[in-house]
C-alpha atoms as a PDB file:
ATOM      1  CA  MET A   1       0.000   0.000   0.000  1.00  0.00           C
ATOM      2  CA  ILE A   2       2.774   2.422   0.936  1.00  0.00           C
ATOM      3  CA  ALA A   3       4.797   1.560  -2.164  1.00  0.00           C
ATOM      4  CA  GLY A   4       1.772   2.087  -4.373  1.00  0.00           C
ATOM      5  CA  THR A   5       1.112   5.482  -2.831  1.00  0.00           C
ATOM      6  CA  GLY A   6       4.723   6.483  -3.333  1.00  0.00           C
ATOM      7  CA  THR A   7       4.593   5.461  -6.958  1.00  0.00           C
ATOM      8  CA  GLY A   8       1.485   7.532  -7.426  1.00  0.00           C
ATOM      9  CA  VAL A   9       3.122  10.572  -5.880  1.00  0.00           C
ATOM     10  CA  VAL A  10       6.187  10.149  -8.036  1.00  0.00           C
ATOM     11  CA  GLY A  11       4.012   9.737 -11.116  1.00  0.00           C
ATOM     12  CA  ASN A  12       1.978  12.858 -10.304  1.00  0.00           C
ATOM     13  CA  GLU A  13       5.135  14.842  -9.661  1.00  0.00           C
ATOM     14  CA  LYS A  14       6.576  13.716 -12.971  1.00  0.00           C
ATOM     15  CA  SER A  15       3.376  14.679 -14.794  1.00  0.00           C
ATOM     16  CA  SER A  16       3.372  18.053 -13.033  1.00  0.00           C
ATOM     17  CA  ARG A  17       6.962  18.716 -14.123  1.00  0.00           C
ATOM     18  CA  CYS A  18       5.999  17.737 -17.674  1.00  0.00           C
ATOM     19  CA  VAL A  19       3.045  20.138 -17.703  1.00  0.00           C
ATOM     20  CA  ARG A  20       5.166  22.996 -16.330  1.00  0.00           C
ATOM     21  CA  ALA A  21       7.918  22.334 -18.854  1.00  0.00           C
ATOM     22  CA  PHE A  22       5.369  22.197 -21.670  1.00  0.00           C
ATOM     23  CA  VAL A  23       3.818  25.508 -20.599  1.00  0.00           C
ATOM     24  CA  TYR A  24       7.186  27.252 -20.275  1.00  0.00           C
ATOM     25  CA  TRP A  25       8.166  25.811 -23.639  1.00  0.00           C
ATOM     26  CA  LEU A  26       5.031  27.013 -25.426  1.00  0.00           C
ATOM     27  CA  LEU A  27       4.345  30.254 -23.541  1.00  0.00           C
ATOM     28  CA  PRO A  28       6.925  32.519 -25.298  1.00  0.00           C
ATOM     29  CA  GLY A  29       5.515  31.754 -28.750  1.00  0.00           C
ATOM     30  CA  LEU A  30       1.932  32.368 -27.641  1.00  0.00           C
ATOM     31  CA  CYS A  31       2.873  35.635 -25.934  1.00  0.00           C
ATOM     32  CA  CYS A  32       4.658  36.908 -29.044  1.00  0.00           C
ATOM     33  CA  SER A  33       1.734  36.023 -31.328  1.00  0.00           C
ATOM     34  CA  LEU A  34      -0.756  37.685 -28.982  1.00  0.00           C
ATOM     35  CA  LEU A  35       1.477  40.746 -28.599  1.00  0.00           C
ATOM     36  CA  PHE A  36       1.806  41.238 -32.354  1.00  0.00           C
ATOM     37  CA  GLY A  37      -1.921  40.654 -32.786  1.00  0.00           C
ATOM     38  CA  CYS A  38      -2.815  43.239 -30.120  1.00  0.00           C
ATOM     39  CA  VAL A  39      -0.464  45.835 -31.635  1.00  0.00           C
ATOM     40  CA  GLY A  40      -1.898  45.382 -35.126  1.00  0.00           C
ATOM     41  CA  LEU A  41      -5.475  45.344 -33.849  1.00  0.00           C
ATOM     42  CA  ALA A  42      -4.987  48.538 -31.812  1.00  0.00           C
ATOM     43  CA  ILE A  43      -3.558  50.413 -34.807  1.00  0.00           C
ATOM     44  CA  ASN A  44      -6.367  49.274 -37.107  1.00  0.00           C
ATOM     45  CA  LEU A  45      -9.078  50.174 -34.595  1.00  0.00           C
ATOM     46  CA  LEU A  46      -7.556  53.629 -34.146  1.00  0.00           C
ATOM     47  CA  ASP A  47      -7.388  54.093 -37.923  1.00  0.00           C
ATOM     48  CA  ASP A  48     -11.000  52.950 -38.279  1.00  0.00           C
ATOM     49  CA  PHE A  49     -12.121  55.435 -35.613  1.00  0.00           C
ATOM     50  CA  LEU A  50     -10.270  58.272 -37.368  1.00  0.00           C
ATOM     51  CA  GLN A  51     -11.749  57.364 -40.760  1.00  0.00           C
ATOM     52  CA  GLN A  52     -15.224  57.616 -39.275  1.00  0.00           C
ATOM     53  CA  GLN A  53     -14.298  61.241 -38.508  1.00  0.00           C
ATOM     54  CA  ARG A  54     -12.996  61.643 -42.102  1.00  0.00           C
ATOM     55  CA  PHE A  55      -9.382  61.507 -40.880  1.00  0.00           C
ATOM     56  CA  ARG A  56      -6.857  58.667 -41.150  1.00  0.00           C
ATOM     57  CA  LEU A  57      -3.497  57.553 -39.805  1.00  0.00           C
ATOM     58  CA  MET A  58      -0.400  58.272 -41.833  1.00  0.00           C
ATOM     59  CA  PRO A  59       0.496  55.269 -44.036  1.00  0.00           C
ATOM     60  CA  GLU A  60       3.792  54.698 -42.220  1.00  0.00           C
ATOM     61  CA  LEU A  61       1.858  53.922 -39.024  1.00  0.00           C
ATOM     62  CA  SER A  62      -0.746  51.831 -40.813  1.00  0.00           C
ATOM     63  CA  LEU A  63       2.106  49.740 -42.189  1.00  0.00           C
ATOM     64  CA  ILE A  64       3.041  48.724 -38.637  1.00  0.00           C
ATOM     65  CA  ALA A  65      -0.225  46.762 -38.420  1.00  0.00           C
ATOM     66  CA  ASP A  66       0.699  44.831 -41.566  1.00  0.00           C
ATOM     67  CA  VAL A  67       4.176  44.128 -40.188  1.00  0.00           C
ATOM     68  CA  ALA A  68       2.643  42.918 -36.902  1.00  0.00           C
ATOM     69  CA  MET A  69       0.372  40.554 -38.846  1.00  0.00           C
ATOM     70  CA  VAL A  70       3.352  39.067 -40.704  1.00  0.00           C
ATOM     71  CA  LEU A  71       5.383  38.736 -37.489  1.00  0.00           C
ATOM     72  CA  ALA A  72       2.496  36.911 -35.824  1.00  0.00           C
ATOM     73  CA  LEU A  73       2.624  34.328 -38.615  1.00  0.00           C
ATOM     74  CA  LEU A  74       6.423  34.135 -38.552  1.00  0.00           C
ATOM     75  CA  SER A  75       6.337  33.293 -34.857  1.00  0.00           C
ATOM     76  CA  VAL A  76       5.203  29.772 -35.804  1.00  0.00           C
ATOM     77  CA  PRO A  77       8.330  28.612 -37.708  1.00  0.00           C
ATOM     78  CA  VAL A  78      10.662  30.616 -35.448  1.00  0.00           C
ATOM     79  CA  PHE A  79       9.418  29.091 -32.222  1.00  0.00           C
ATOM     80  CA  ALA A  80       8.974  25.675 -33.830  1.00  0.00           C
ATOM     81  CA  TYR A  81      12.688  25.748 -34.610  1.00  0.00           C
ATOM     82  CA  LYS A  82      13.580  26.912 -31.104  1.00  0.00           C
ATOM     83  CA  MET A  83      11.287  24.384 -29.487  1.00  0.00           C
ATOM     84  CA  ALA A  84      12.788  21.567 -31.546  1.00  0.00           C
ATOM     85  CA  GLY A  85      16.183  22.393 -30.094  1.00  0.00           C
ATOM     86  CA  ALA A  86      15.006  22.837 -26.499  1.00  0.00           C
ATOM     87  CA  ILE A  87      12.568  20.026 -25.764  1.00  0.00           C
ATOM     88  CA  PRO A  88      12.266  19.566 -21.980  1.00  0.00           C
ATOM     89  CA  ARG A  89      13.858  16.437 -20.507  1.00  0.00           C
ATOM     90  CA  SER A  90      10.527  15.390 -19.072  1.00  0.00           C
ATOM     91  CA  LEU A  91       9.201  15.122 -22.633  1.00  0.00           C
ATOM     92  CA  LEU A  92      12.285  13.307 -23.909  1.00  0.00           C
ATOM     93  CA  ALA A  93      11.797  10.666 -21.219  1.00  0.00           C
ATOM     94  CA  MET A  94       8.356   9.776 -22.575  1.00  0.00           C
ATOM     95  CA  ARG A  95       7.506   7.246 -25.204  1.00  0.00           C
ATOM     96  CA  ARG A  96       7.941   8.347 -28.794  1.00  0.00           C
ATOM     97  CA  PHE A  97       4.240   8.397 -29.671  1.00  0.00           C
ATOM     98  CA  LYS A  98       3.254  10.363 -26.579  1.00  0.00           C
ATOM     99  CA  ARG A  99       6.145  12.786 -27.063  1.00  0.00           C
ATOM    100  CA  ARG A 100       5.187  13.398 -30.687  1.00  0.00           C
ATOM    101  CA  ALA A 101       1.551  13.880 -29.729  1.00  0.00           C
ATOM    102  CA  ILE A 102       2.465  16.504 -27.126  1.00  0.00           C
ATOM    103  CA  VAL A 103       4.847  18.344 -29.471  1.00  0.00           C
ATOM    104  CA  GLY A 104       2.282  18.244 -32.277  1.00  0.00           C
ATOM    105  CA  THR A 105      -0.387  19.596 -29.936  1.00  0.00           C
ATOM    106  CA  GLY A 106       1.897  22.463 -28.925  1.00  0.00           C
ATOM    107  CA  LEU A 107       2.629  23.371 -32.522  1.00  0.00           C
ATOM    108  CA  ALA A 108      -1.074  23.167 -33.384  1.00  0.00           C
ATOM    109  CA  ILE A 109      -1.925  25.537 -30.551  1.00  0.00           C
ATOM    110  CA  GLN A 110       0.844  27.939 -31.573  1.00  0.00           C
ATOM    111  CA  THR A 111      -0.254  27.836 -35.225  1.00  0.00           C
ATOM    112  CA  GLY A 112      -3.913  28.325 -34.368  1.00  0.00           C
ATOM    113  CA  VAL A 113      -3.225  31.341 -32.153  1.00  0.00           C
ATOM    114  CA  ALA A 114      -0.832  32.911 -34.683  1.00  0.00           C
ATOM    115  CA  VAL A 115      -3.201  32.449 -37.628  1.00  0.00           C
ATOM    116  CA  GLY A 116      -6.135  33.703 -35.559  1.00  0.00           C
ATOM    117  CA  CYS A 117      -4.227  36.854 -34.565  1.00  0.00           C
ATOM    118  CA  ALA A 118      -3.164  37.468 -38.181  1.00  0.00           C
ATOM    119  CA  LEU A 119      -6.743  37.062 -39.461  1.00  0.00           C
ATOM    120  CA  LEU A 120      -8.061  39.378 -36.751  1.00  0.00           C
ATOM    121  CA  VAL A 121      -5.544  42.059 -37.726  1.00  0.00           C
ATOM    122  CA  MET A 122      -6.356  41.658 -41.428  1.00  0.00           C
ATOM    123  CA  VAL A 123     -10.140  41.822 -40.975  1.00  0.00           C
ATOM    124  CA  SER A 124      -9.915  44.818 -38.618  1.00  0.00           C
ATOM    125  CA  ASP A 125      -8.030  46.840 -41.235  1.00  0.00           C
ATOM    126  CA  PRO A 126     -10.487  49.506 -42.494  1.00  0.00           C
ATOM    127  CA  ASP A 127      -8.722  49.489 -45.887  1.00  0.00           C
ATOM    128  CA  TRP A 128      -8.592  45.711 -46.148  1.00  0.00           C
ATOM    129  CA  PHE A 129     -11.095  44.936 -48.929  1.00  0.00           C
ATOM    130  CA  PHE A 130     -12.168  48.001 -50.922  1.00  0.00           C
ATOM    131  CA  GLY A 131     -10.282  50.594 -48.913  1.00  0.00           C
ATOM    132  CA  ASP A 132      -8.223  53.522 -50.141  1.00  0.00           C
ATOM    133  CA  THR A 133      -4.584  53.176 -51.168  1.00  0.00           C
ATOM    134  CA  CYS A 134      -1.827  55.755 -50.812  1.00  0.00           C
ATOM    135  CA  ILE A 135      -0.260  56.264 -54.250  1.00  0.00           C
ATOM    136  CA  ASP A 136       1.821  59.424 -53.796  1.00  0.00           C
ATOM    137  CA  SER A 137       3.110  61.911 -51.230  1.00  0.00           C
ATOM    138  CA  GLN A 138       4.774  65.297 -51.617  1.00  0.00           C
ATOM    139  CA  PRO A 139       6.239  67.733 -49.053  1.00  0.00           C
ATOM    140  CA  VAL A 140       5.344  71.412 -49.327  1.00  0.00           C
ATOM    141  CA  SER A 141       7.274  74.485 -48.267  1.00  0.00           C
ATOM    142  CA  SER A 142       5.088  75.133 -45.210  1.00  0.00           C
ATOM    143  CA  GLY A 143       6.423  71.952 -43.609  1.00  0.00           C
ATOM    144  CA  HIS A 144       3.304  69.941 -44.317  1.00  0.00           C
ATOM    145  CA  THR A 145       3.204  66.701 -46.286  1.00  0.00           C
ATOM    146  CA  MET A 146       0.457  65.970 -48.787  1.00  0.00           C
ATOM    147  CA  TYR A 147      -0.726  62.414 -49.423  1.00  0.00           C
ATOM    148  CA  LEU A 148      -2.750  61.231 -52.408  1.00  0.00           C
ATOM    149  CA  TYR A 149      -5.123  58.301 -51.888  1.00  0.00           C
ATOM    150  CA  ARG A 150      -7.005  56.373 -54.545  1.00  0.00           C
ATOM    151  CA  GLY A 151     -10.434  54.978 -53.716  1.00  0.00           C
ATOM    152  CA  GLY A 152     -11.126  51.273 -53.854  1.00  0.00           C
ATOM    153  CA  LEU A 153     -14.725  50.289 -54.669  1.00  0.00           C
ATOM    154  CA  PHE A 154     -15.590  53.402 -56.667  1.00  0.00           C
ATOM    155  CA  CYS A 155     -12.777  55.411 -58.155  1.00  0.00           C
ATOM    156  CA  SER A 156     -11.895  58.665 -56.418  1.00  0.00           C
ATOM    157  CA  TYR A 157      -8.786  60.612 -55.481  1.00  0.00           C
ATOM    158  CA  THR A 158      -8.442  62.311 -52.107  1.00  0.00           C
ATOM    159  CA  VAL A 159      -5.656  64.614 -50.950  1.00  0.00           C
ATOM    160  CA  TYR A 160      -4.763  64.606 -47.247  1.00  0.00           C
ATOM    161  CA  ARG A 161      -2.539  67.009 -45.332  1.00  0.00           C
ATOM    162  CA  ARG A 162      -0.244  65.984 -42.482  1.00  0.00           C
ATOM    163  CA  ASP A 163       1.072  68.661 -40.154  1.00  0.00           C
ATOM    164  CA  PRO A 164       4.644  68.359 -38.846  1.00  0.00           C
ATOM    165  CA  TRP A 165       4.944  65.787 -36.043  1.00  0.00           C
ATOM    166  CA  ASP A 166       1.275  64.859 -36.439  1.00  0.00           C
ATOM    167  CA  PRO A 167       0.461  61.218 -37.287  1.00  0.00           C
ATOM    168  CA  VAL A 168      -3.091  62.089 -38.390  1.00  0.00           C
ATOM    169  CA  LEU A 169      -3.983  62.988 -41.987  1.00  0.00           C
ATOM    170  CA  ARG A 170      -6.700  65.554 -42.647  1.00  0.00           C
ATOM    171  CA  PRO A 171      -8.616  65.714 -45.941  1.00  0.00           C
ATOM    172  CA  VAL A 172      -8.036  68.701 -48.215  1.00  0.00           C
ATOM    173  CA  LYS A 173     -10.018  67.864 -51.342  1.00  0.00           C
ATOM    174  CA  SER A 174     -11.480  64.908 -53.171  1.00  0.00           C
ATOM    175  CA  ILE A 175     -12.142  64.254 -56.860  1.00  0.00           C
ATOM    176  CA  PRO A 176     -14.607  61.545 -57.959  1.00  0.00           C
ATOM    177  CA  ARG A 177     -13.727  59.670 -61.130  1.00  0.00           C
ATOM    178  CA  GLU A 178     -15.585  57.168 -63.269  1.00  0.00           C
ATOM    179  CA  ARG A 179     -12.397  55.206 -63.966  1.00  0.00           C
ATOM    180  CA  CYS A 180      -9.007  54.956 -62.273  1.00  0.00           C
ATOM    181  CA  LEU A 181      -6.697  54.497 -65.243  1.00  0.00           C
ATOM    182  CA  GLY A 182      -3.096  55.524 -65.741  1.00  0.00           C
ATOM    183  CA  GLN A 183      -0.651  57.153 -63.375  1.00  0.00           C
ATOM    184  CA  VAL A 184      -1.911  59.948 -61.142  1.00  0.00           C
ATOM    185  CA  VAL A 185       0.453  62.060 -59.032  1.00  0.00           C
ATOM    186  CA  LEU A 186       0.561  65.151 -56.886  1.00  0.00           C
ATOM    187  CA  VAL A 187       2.092  68.257 -58.450  1.00  0.00           C
ATOM    188  CA  VAL A 188       3.366  71.106 -56.230  1.00  0.00           C
ATOM    189  CA  HIS A 189       3.405  74.656 -57.627  1.00  0.00           C
ATOM    190  CA  ASP A 190       5.451  77.426 -55.988  1.00  0.00           C
ATOM    191  CA  GLY A 191       6.157  75.133 -53.061  1.00  0.00           C
ATOM    192  CA  ARG A 192       2.636  75.555 -51.678  1.00  0.00           C
ATOM    193  CA  ASN A 193      -0.135  75.016 -54.213  1.00  0.00           C
ATOM    194  CA  ILE A 194      -0.817  71.391 -54.989  1.00  0.00           C
ATOM    195  CA  GLU A 195      -3.038  69.673 -57.522  1.00  0.00           C
ATOM    196  CA  ILE A 196      -3.818  66.195 -58.805  1.00  0.00           C
ATOM    197  CA  ALA A 197      -2.389  65.572 -62.262  1.00  0.00           C
ATOM    198  CA  GLY A 198      -2.551  62.712 -64.711  1.00  0.00           C
ATOM    199  CA  ALA A 199       0.291  61.017 -66.549  1.00  0.00           C
ATOM    200  CA  ASP A 200       0.307  63.823 -69.144  1.00  0.00           C
ATOM    201  CA  GLY A 201       0.868  66.452 -66.426  1.00  0.00           C
ATOM    202  CA  ARG A 202      -2.551  68.035 -66.864  1.00  0.00           C
ATOM    203  CA  PRO A 203      -4.757  68.690 -63.828  1.00  0.00           C
ATOM    204  CA  LEU A 204      -7.263  65.919 -63.223  1.00  0.00           C
ATOM    205  CA  ALA A 205     -10.852  67.107 -63.510  1.00  0.00           C
ATOM    206  CA  ALA A 206     -13.790  65.691 -61.579  1.00  0.00           C
ATOM    207  CA  GLN A 207     -15.713  63.007 -63.412  1.00  0.00           C
ATOM    208  CA  PRO A 208     -19.105  62.101 -61.904  1.00  0.00           C
ATOM    209  CA  VAL A 209     -19.716  58.371 -61.616  1.00  0.00           C
ATOM    210  CA  ASP A 210     -22.530  57.068 -63.835  1.00  0.00           C
ATOM    211  CA  PHE A 211     -24.650  54.443 -62.064  1.00  0.00           C
ATOM    212  CA  SER A 212     -27.173  54.035 -64.877  1.00  0.00           C
ATOM    213  CA  ALA A 213     -25.689  50.670 -65.844  1.00  0.00           C
ATOM    214  CA  LEU A 214     -26.750  49.297 -62.453  1.00  0.00           C
ATOM    215  CA  TYR A 215     -30.418  50.110 -63.110  1.00  0.00           C
ATOM    216  CA  LEU A 216     -32.278  46.862 -63.816  1.00  0.00           C
ATOM    217  CA  GLY A 217     -35.673  48.370 -64.620  1.00  0.00           C
ATOM    218  CA  PRO A 218     -37.071  49.260 -68.049  1.00  0.00           C
ATOM    219  CA  HIS A 219     -35.023  51.767 -70.060  1.00  0.00           C
END
């Protein structure tokens, strides 16, 4: 009876050491994935809030969310490599099948968390599907920087102004277009005046969008 109890205690202690080693082994990868996911999500939520007020974050900051999404995915192979070289002794002492099952479970958890964080960051991006895209930027003599964005679902061009040391872009003017074809850039005149020009250098005029083709009734 005493020997059986001692064996049980030793077995429980060994299992406890295995669980602790497994948690310490997997925890760094999970923390990194969650950290990158939280950073990307926070930036996208802030950008979404600003766009509801007709503002937006500067593209350099929005890019951090994309980098965080990629790093969350890269945490899987990085920590898989590190884990393969630092398997706890308590796992090495187990049978091969059980050891492989535990390692595979850890990698599955790490992969699931990393992919989930990356998808959450991607979906939370306000410019993810049909959002605007920054296609040009030009500094002006007043110290401001002008950014040109092209619309996604329906073609349009919007100019934003960024004040020095301000990460928020404020709209200056917008031009609707029926088609987004060719190269469009910002042209600065006299260091201050700025306009949207096409590939031929001529100012881009507004072009109202015609929705008559979407009408399904009798013509």
